[in-house]
Amino acid sequence: MMARYIAGRLAGVVLILFLVCLFTFIIFFTLQPDPAVMICGKTCTQERIDQIHAVLGLDEPLVKQFFGFLIGIFAGRDYGEGANLVHCGAPCLGYSFQTGQSVWDMVVDRLPVSATVAIGAAVLWLLIGIAAGLLSAVKEGTWWDRTAMGLALGGSSVPNYVLALALQYVLVVQLQVLPFPRAVAFADDPVVWFQSYLMPWIVLATGYACLYSRLTRANVIDTLAENFMRTARSKGLSPALTMRRHALRPALTPIATIFGMDFAALLGGALITETVFGLNGVGKMAADSITKNDQPVIMAVTLLAAFFVVVGNVVIDLVYTRLDPRVRITAK
């Protein structure tokens, strides 16, 4: 039954996220430097460190700390006691060691920037990658095919930061046709919003578009050689109808799988792109936190990325059952 399949997949999501929480908690709160020392600083007394341990609950057994962390995500938690009690509302991911801000509030403030970068880049690489791969497959062996696949191979070899710096130098410094990227809300100024995000979209989409064009080309070529395609042509269907009705669906089904994983990973923050362009998204926040060893923020970004990847995987599995009847039968 489909309901049983969905329930099983959701149970798997819960288990995976639990294990991710466990591993990240162990890594960032037991194997890393003492969080109390990170908060207190280098010139700190042992008495002050013990006080921080008591406030954060770090003097309790590890199992109790971990389940306190889990409960905080769903129901919130309290730090300290008496006059020093601080309530962290759900979902509580702790407080930044560097700024003292709620980690959840930091993530919420920066997630729209990462989502804008990810969605814009995804639309761009899907349109360009699939269109280029489809045309290359239809015109296999022609100059268009060789040129497009050559550009795809070259584009996938260029690192993001190199392309980002090159675009900034050409479009911003030399030609001055675009402003330097900054996080602008769409409602404030749609034109500046589009101009500010255009270069990050191009940089982030280039590598994916090159990969998707090559995969699309290979899948379409394989599909065109199948027996059911020859049967469709023998029935007198037009080439356009044959391509649209019989070739595209099976050829693009594998693309849906990798797109879901790629897009979900990007929602966790495009670290290099956001850092190079100075966009204060989740990726840049993660990079800054790594340099400062801000453990709660690093752990929050890790959990956020894992959440998007796991949930994205489930969504793609469900979409796959709609696209491919064979998978639907297996799921039932």
Protein backbone atom coordinates (compact mmCIF):
# COMPACT_ATOMS: atom_id res chain seq x y z
CA MET A 1 0.00 0.00 0.00
CA MET A 2 1.18 3.53 -0.80
CA ALA A 3 0.26 4.73 2.70
CA ARG A 4 2.48 2.06 4.21
CA TYR A 5 5.31 3.03 1.88
CA ILE A 6 5.03 6.70 2.89
CA ALA A 7 4.86 5.78 6.57
CA GLY A 8 7.99 3.67 6.20
CA ARG A 9 9.85 6.48 4.47
CA LEU A 10 8.83 8.97 7.17
CA ALA A 11 9.98 6.56 9.87
CA GLY A 12 13.31 6.34 8.08
CA VAL A 13 13.53 10.15 8.06
CA VAL A 14 12.98 10.27 11.82
CA LEU A 15 15.65 7.63 12.42
CA ILE A 16 18.22 9.30 10.17
CA LEU A 17 17.64 12.73 11.70
CA PHE A 18 17.95 11.21 15.18
CA LEU A 19 21.31 9.65 14.26
CA VAL A 20 22.49 12.92 12.69
CA CYS A 21 21.55 14.78 15.88
CA LEU A 22 23.39 12.20 17.98
CA PHE A 23 26.59 12.25 15.93
CA THR A 24 26.70 16.03 15.60
CA PHE A 25 26.03 16.46 19.32
CA ILE A 26 28.85 14.09 20.22
CA ILE A 27 31.27 15.73 17.78
CA PHE A 28 30.56 19.35 18.69
CA PHE A 29 30.02 19.01 22.45
CA THR A 30 32.43 16.24 23.48
CA LEU A 31 35.25 15.99 20.92
CA GLN A 32 35.59 19.74 20.33
CA PRO A 33 37.11 22.21 22.86
CA ASP A 34 35.10 22.76 26.02
CA PRO A 35 32.12 25.03 25.16
CA ALA A 36 32.47 26.77 28.53
CA VAL A 37 36.03 27.76 27.67
CA MET A 38 34.89 29.00 24.26
CA ILE A 39 32.22 31.20 25.87
CA CYS A 40 34.36 32.47 28.73
CA GLY A 41 37.49 33.22 26.74
CA LYS A 42 41.18 32.63 27.41
CA THR A 43 41.47 34.77 30.56
CA CYS A 44 38.83 32.90 32.53
CA THR A 45 38.86 31.42 36.00
CA GLN A 46 37.95 27.84 36.79
CA GLU A 47 35.09 29.09 38.97
CA ARG A 48 33.55 30.93 36.02
CA ILE A 49 33.96 27.85 33.81
CA ASP A 50 32.16 25.74 36.41
CA GLN A 51 29.32 28.28 36.49
CA ILE A 52 28.92 28.10 32.70
CA HIS A 53 28.93 24.30 32.91
CA ALA A 54 26.06 24.48 35.38
CA VAL A 55 24.06 26.98 33.30
CA LEU A 56 24.42 24.99 30.07
CA GLY A 57 23.94 21.65 31.80
CA LEU A 58 27.40 20.48 30.75
CA ASP A 59 28.04 19.05 34.20
CA GLU A 60 25.28 16.48 33.65
CA PRO A 61 25.73 13.00 32.08
CA LEU A 62 26.12 13.01 28.31
CA VAL A 63 22.88 11.06 27.74
CA LYS A 64 20.90 13.61 29.75
CA GLN A 65 22.55 16.46 27.86
CA PHE A 66 21.65 14.90 24.52
CA PHE A 67 18.00 14.30 25.36
CA GLY A 68 17.82 17.79 26.82
CA PHE A 69 19.07 19.06 23.46
CA LEU A 70 16.43 17.00 21.61
CA ILE A 71 13.63 18.16 23.91
CA GLY A 72 14.79 21.74 23.36
CA ILE A 73 14.29 21.40 19.62
CA PHE A 74 10.64 20.38 20.03
CA ALA A 75 9.58 21.99 23.31
CA GLY A 76 12.23 24.55 24.22
CA ARG A 77 14.48 24.48 27.25
CA ASP A 78 15.70 26.58 30.16
CA TYR A 79 19.27 27.63 30.85
CA GLY A 80 20.32 28.46 34.40
CA GLU A 81 18.03 28.84 37.37
CA GLY A 82 16.54 31.47 39.62
CA ALA A 83 17.27 35.06 38.65
CA ASN A 84 19.69 33.84 35.96
CA LEU A 85 17.14 31.60 34.25
CA VAL A 86 16.89 32.09 30.47
CA HIS A 87 14.15 30.38 28.47
CA CYS A 88 14.98 29.29 24.92
CA GLY A 89 11.76 28.76 22.98
CA ALA A 90 11.24 25.88 20.58
CA PRO A 91 12.91 25.10 18.32
CA CYS A 92 15.89 25.74 20.60
CA LEU A 93 19.30 25.17 19.02
CA GLY A 94 21.19 27.05 21.70
CA TYR A 95 22.93 30.41 21.61
CA SER A 96 25.93 31.57 19.63
CA PHE A 97 29.17 31.57 21.59
CA GLN A 98 30.32 34.69 19.74
CA THR A 99 27.24 36.93 19.64
CA GLY A 100 24.94 35.45 22.27
CA GLN A 101 22.07 35.41 19.74
CA SER A 102 19.58 32.60 19.48
CA VAL A 103 20.92 30.22 16.83
CA TRP A 104 17.43 29.56 15.51
CA ASP A 105 16.84 33.30 15.02
CA MET A 106 20.16 33.55 13.18
CA VAL A 107 19.17 30.71 10.85
CA VAL A 108 15.71 32.18 10.19
CA ASP A 109 17.20 35.60 9.40
CA ARG A 110 19.62 34.17 6.86
CA LEU A 111 17.61 31.34 5.31
CA PRO A 112 15.69 33.63 2.86
CA VAL A 113 18.98 34.69 1.27
CA SER A 114 20.10 31.07 0.81
CA ALA A 115 16.65 30.09 -0.48
CA THR A 116 16.71 32.93 -3.03
CA VAL A 117 20.15 31.90 -4.26
CA ALA A 118 19.19 28.22 -4.42
CA ILE A 119 15.82 28.68 -6.16
CA GLY A 120 17.13 31.14 -8.74
CA ALA A 121 20.14 28.97 -9.55
CA ALA A 122 17.98 25.82 -9.75
CA VAL A 123 15.60 27.40 -12.25
CA LEU A 124 18.55 28.59 -14.32
CA TRP A 125 20.43 25.31 -14.42
CA LEU A 126 17.30 23.26 -15.15
CA LEU A 127 16.27 25.44 -18.09
CA ILE A 128 19.74 25.68 -19.61
CA GLY A 129 20.98 22.18 -18.74
CA ILE A 130 17.94 20.23 -19.92
CA ALA A 131 17.44 22.34 -23.05
CA ALA A 132 21.11 22.05 -24.07
CA GLY A 133 21.19 18.30 -23.38
CA LEU A 134 17.96 17.70 -25.29
CA LEU A 135 19.12 19.61 -28.35
CA SER A 136 22.48 17.83 -28.26
CA ALA A 137 20.74 14.45 -28.17
CA VAL A 138 18.44 15.33 -31.07
CA LYS A 139 21.36 16.73 -33.08
CA GLU A 140 23.83 14.05 -32.04
CA GLY A 141 27.12 14.26 -33.90
CA THR A 142 26.51 17.76 -35.33
CA TRP A 143 28.50 20.90 -34.65
CA TRP A 144 25.91 21.96 -32.05
CA ASP A 145 26.35 18.71 -30.14
CA ARG A 146 30.15 18.93 -30.14
CA THR A 147 30.15 22.62 -29.19
CA ALA A 148 27.59 22.28 -26.41
CA MET A 149 29.24 19.25 -24.85
CA GLY A 150 32.67 20.89 -25.12
CA LEU A 151 31.37 23.95 -23.28
CA ALA A 152 29.71 21.70 -20.72
CA LEU A 153 32.96 19.87 -20.05
CA GLY A 154 34.86 23.14 -19.74
CA GLY A 155 32.22 24.81 -17.58
CA SER A 156 32.12 21.94 -15.12
CA SER A 157 35.90 22.24 -14.71
CA VAL A 158 35.87 25.89 -13.58
CA PRO A 159 35.74 26.31 -9.77
CA ASN A 160 32.92 28.47 -8.42
CA TYR A 161 35.20 31.00 -6.77
CA VAL A 162 37.20 31.55 -9.96
CA LEU A 163 34.05 32.17 -12.00
CA ALA A 164 32.68 34.45 -9.26
CA LEU A 165 35.80 36.60 -9.17
CA ALA A 166 35.94 36.75 -12.98
CA LEU A 167 32.31 37.86 -13.26
CA GLN A 168 32.77 40.50 -10.57
CA TYR A 169 35.82 41.90 -12.33
CA VAL A 170 34.18 42.00 -15.77
CA LEU A 171 30.57 42.93 -14.98
CA VAL A 172 31.04 45.08 -11.88
CA VAL A 173 34.50 46.63 -12.13
CA GLN A 174 35.13 46.92 -15.89
CA LEU A 175 31.72 47.13 -17.59
CA GLN A 176 29.82 48.40 -14.52
CA VAL A 177 26.57 46.85 -15.75
CA LEU A 178 25.75 45.19 -12.43
CA PRO A 179 26.08 46.35 -8.82
CA PHE A 180 28.08 44.39 -6.29
CA PRO A 181 25.76 41.68 -4.90
CA ARG A 182 23.97 42.45 -1.65
CA ALA A 183 20.97 40.97 0.13
CA VAL A 184 18.04 43.11 -1.05
CA ALA A 185 14.42 42.15 -0.45
CA PHE A 186 12.30 41.74 -3.58
CA ALA A 187 9.59 43.99 -2.15
CA ASP A 188 12.07 46.82 -1.56
CA ASP A 189 13.38 47.06 -5.14
CA PRO A 190 12.72 44.23 -7.64
CA VAL A 191 15.28 45.56 -10.15
CA VAL A 192 18.12 45.84 -7.64
CA TRP A 193 17.08 42.48 -6.18
CA PHE A 194 17.43 40.81 -9.59
CA GLN A 195 20.71 42.55 -10.36
CA SER A 196 22.17 41.64 -6.97
CA TYR A 197 21.37 37.94 -7.26
CA LEU A 198 22.09 37.48 -10.98
CA MET A 199 25.81 36.78 -10.60
CA PRO A 200 25.37 34.33 -7.70
CA TRP A 201 22.72 32.52 -9.73
CA ILE A 202 25.01 32.26 -12.75
CA VAL A 203 27.99 31.08 -10.69
CA LEU A 204 26.03 28.49 -8.78
CA ALA A 205 24.08 27.27 -11.83
CA THR A 206 27.02 26.91 -14.22
CA GLY A 207 28.46 23.68 -12.86
CA TYR A 208 25.06 22.06 -12.38
CA ALA A 209 23.86 23.14 -15.84
CA CYS A 210 26.93 21.54 -17.42
CA LEU A 211 26.35 18.30 -15.51
CA TYR A 212 22.62 18.20 -16.27
CA SER A 213 23.17 18.84 -19.97
CA ARG A 214 25.51 15.87 -20.24
CA LEU A 215 23.20 13.60 -18.24
CA THR A 216 20.15 14.69 -20.23
CA ARG A 217 21.93 14.08 -23.51
CA ALA A 218 23.01 10.58 -22.47
CA ASN A 219 19.56 9.65 -21.13
CA VAL A 220 17.71 10.93 -24.20
CA ILE A 221 20.08 9.15 -26.60
CA ASP A 222 19.58 5.89 -24.69
CA THR A 223 15.81 6.35 -24.68
CA LEU A 224 15.65 7.09 -28.40
CA ALA A 225 17.32 3.74 -29.06
CA GLU A 226 14.68 1.77 -27.13
CA ASN A 227 12.21 -0.53 -28.90
CA PHE A 228 9.15 1.41 -27.79
CA MET A 229 10.50 4.50 -29.55
CA ARG A 230 10.76 2.62 -32.83
CA THR A 231 7.20 1.39 -32.29
CA ALA A 232 5.99 4.97 -31.72
CA ARG A 233 7.67 6.14 -34.92
CA SER A 234 6.22 3.22 -36.89
CA LYS A 235 2.71 4.31 -35.84
CA GLY A 236 3.22 7.53 -37.77
CA LEU A 237 3.48 9.90 -34.79
CA SER A 238 5.19 13.19 -35.49
CA PRO A 239 8.78 13.55 -34.20
CA ALA A 240 7.73 16.32 -31.78
CA LEU A 241 4.89 14.24 -30.33
CA THR A 242 7.09 11.17 -30.10
CA MET A 243 9.75 13.12 -28.25
CA ARG A 244 7.34 14.83 -25.88
CA ARG A 245 5.09 11.87 -25.08
CA HIS A 246 7.45 8.88 -25.19
CA ALA A 247 11.06 10.06 -24.87
CA LEU A 248 11.15 12.90 -22.37
CA ARG A 249 9.40 11.25 -19.46
CA PRO A 250 11.69 8.21 -19.07
CA ALA A 251 14.76 10.23 -20.04
CA LEU A 252 14.19 12.97 -17.48
CA THR A 253 13.11 10.74 -14.60
CA PRO A 254 16.71 10.15 -13.38
CA ILE A 255 17.28 13.92 -13.55
CA ALA A 256 14.50 14.42 -10.98
CA THR A 257 16.41 12.29 -8.48
CA ILE A 258 19.67 14.19 -8.60
CA PHE A 259 17.85 17.53 -8.81
CA GLY A 260 16.09 16.85 -5.52
CA MET A 261 19.36 16.04 -3.79
CA ASP A 262 21.24 18.97 -5.30
CA PHE A 263 18.51 21.49 -4.52
CA ALA A 264 18.06 20.21 -0.97
CA ALA A 265 21.80 20.50 -0.35
CA LEU A 266 21.80 24.08 -1.63
CA LEU A 267 19.04 25.06 0.79
CA GLY A 268 21.52 24.21 3.53
CA GLY A 269 23.70 27.04 2.27
CA ALA A 270 25.92 27.60 -0.77
CA LEU A 271 29.05 28.20 1.30
CA ILE A 272 31.55 29.22 -1.40
CA THR A 273 29.17 31.33 -3.49
CA GLU A 274 27.69 33.22 -0.55
CA THR A 275 31.14 33.82 0.97
CA VAL A 276 32.70 35.14 -2.24
CA PHE A 277 29.79 37.51 -2.93
CA GLY A 278 29.38 38.52 0.71
CA LEU A 279 25.73 37.44 0.86
CA ASN A 280 24.80 36.87 4.48
CA GLY A 281 23.06 33.55 4.00
CA VAL A 282 23.29 30.25 5.82
CA GLY A 283 26.41 29.26 3.89
CA LYS A 284 28.33 32.40 4.83
CA MET A 285 27.13 32.07 8.41
CA ALA A 286 28.54 28.55 8.47
CA ALA A 287 31.88 29.73 7.06
CA ASP A 288 32.15 32.51 9.64
CA SER A 289 31.22 30.13 12.45
CA ILE A 290 33.84 27.60 11.39
CA THR A 291 36.60 30.21 11.52
CA LYS A 292 35.43 31.25 15.02
CA ASN A 293 34.68 27.69 16.19
CA ASP A 294 31.14 28.73 17.12
CA GLN A 295 29.91 25.22 17.86
CA PRO A 296 26.13 25.77 18.26
CA VAL A 297 25.91 27.59 14.92
CA ILE A 298 27.99 24.97 13.11
CA MET A 299 25.83 22.20 14.55
CA ALA A 300 22.62 24.02 13.61
CA VAL A 301 23.75 24.42 10.00
CA THR A 302 24.75 20.75 9.90
CA LEU A 303 21.33 19.67 11.17
CA LEU A 304 19.58 22.06 8.77
CA ALA A 305 21.48 20.70 5.77
CA ALA A 306 20.80 17.11 6.86
CA PHE A 307 17.11 17.90 7.29
CA PHE A 308 16.78 19.35 3.80
CA VAL A 309 18.70 16.46 2.20
CA VAL A 310 16.71 13.74 3.98
CA VAL A 311 13.32 15.37 3.41
CA GLY A 312 14.26 16.20 -0.18
CA ASN A 313 15.14 12.56 -0.74
CA VAL A 314 11.72 11.45 0.49
CA VAL A 315 9.93 14.03 -1.65
CA ILE A 316 11.85 12.89 -4.74
CA ASP A 317 10.99 9.26 -3.99
CA LEU A 318 7.31 10.18 -3.90
CA VAL A 319 7.60 12.18 -7.11
CA TYR A 320 9.45 9.28 -8.69
CA THR A 321 6.51 6.97 -7.96
CA ARG A 322 4.30 9.32 -9.97
CA LEU A 323 6.73 9.58 -12.89
CA ASP A 324 7.66 5.90 -13.20
CA PRO A 325 4.85 3.33 -12.90
CA ARG A 326 7.39 0.56 -12.27
CA VAL A 327 8.55 2.26 -9.08
CA ARG A 328 4.90 2.75 -8.06
CA ILE A 329 4.23 -0.97 -8.38
CA THR A 330 7.34 -1.80 -6.33
CA ALA A 331 6.32 0.69 -3.63
CA LYS A 332 2.92 -0.95 -3.32
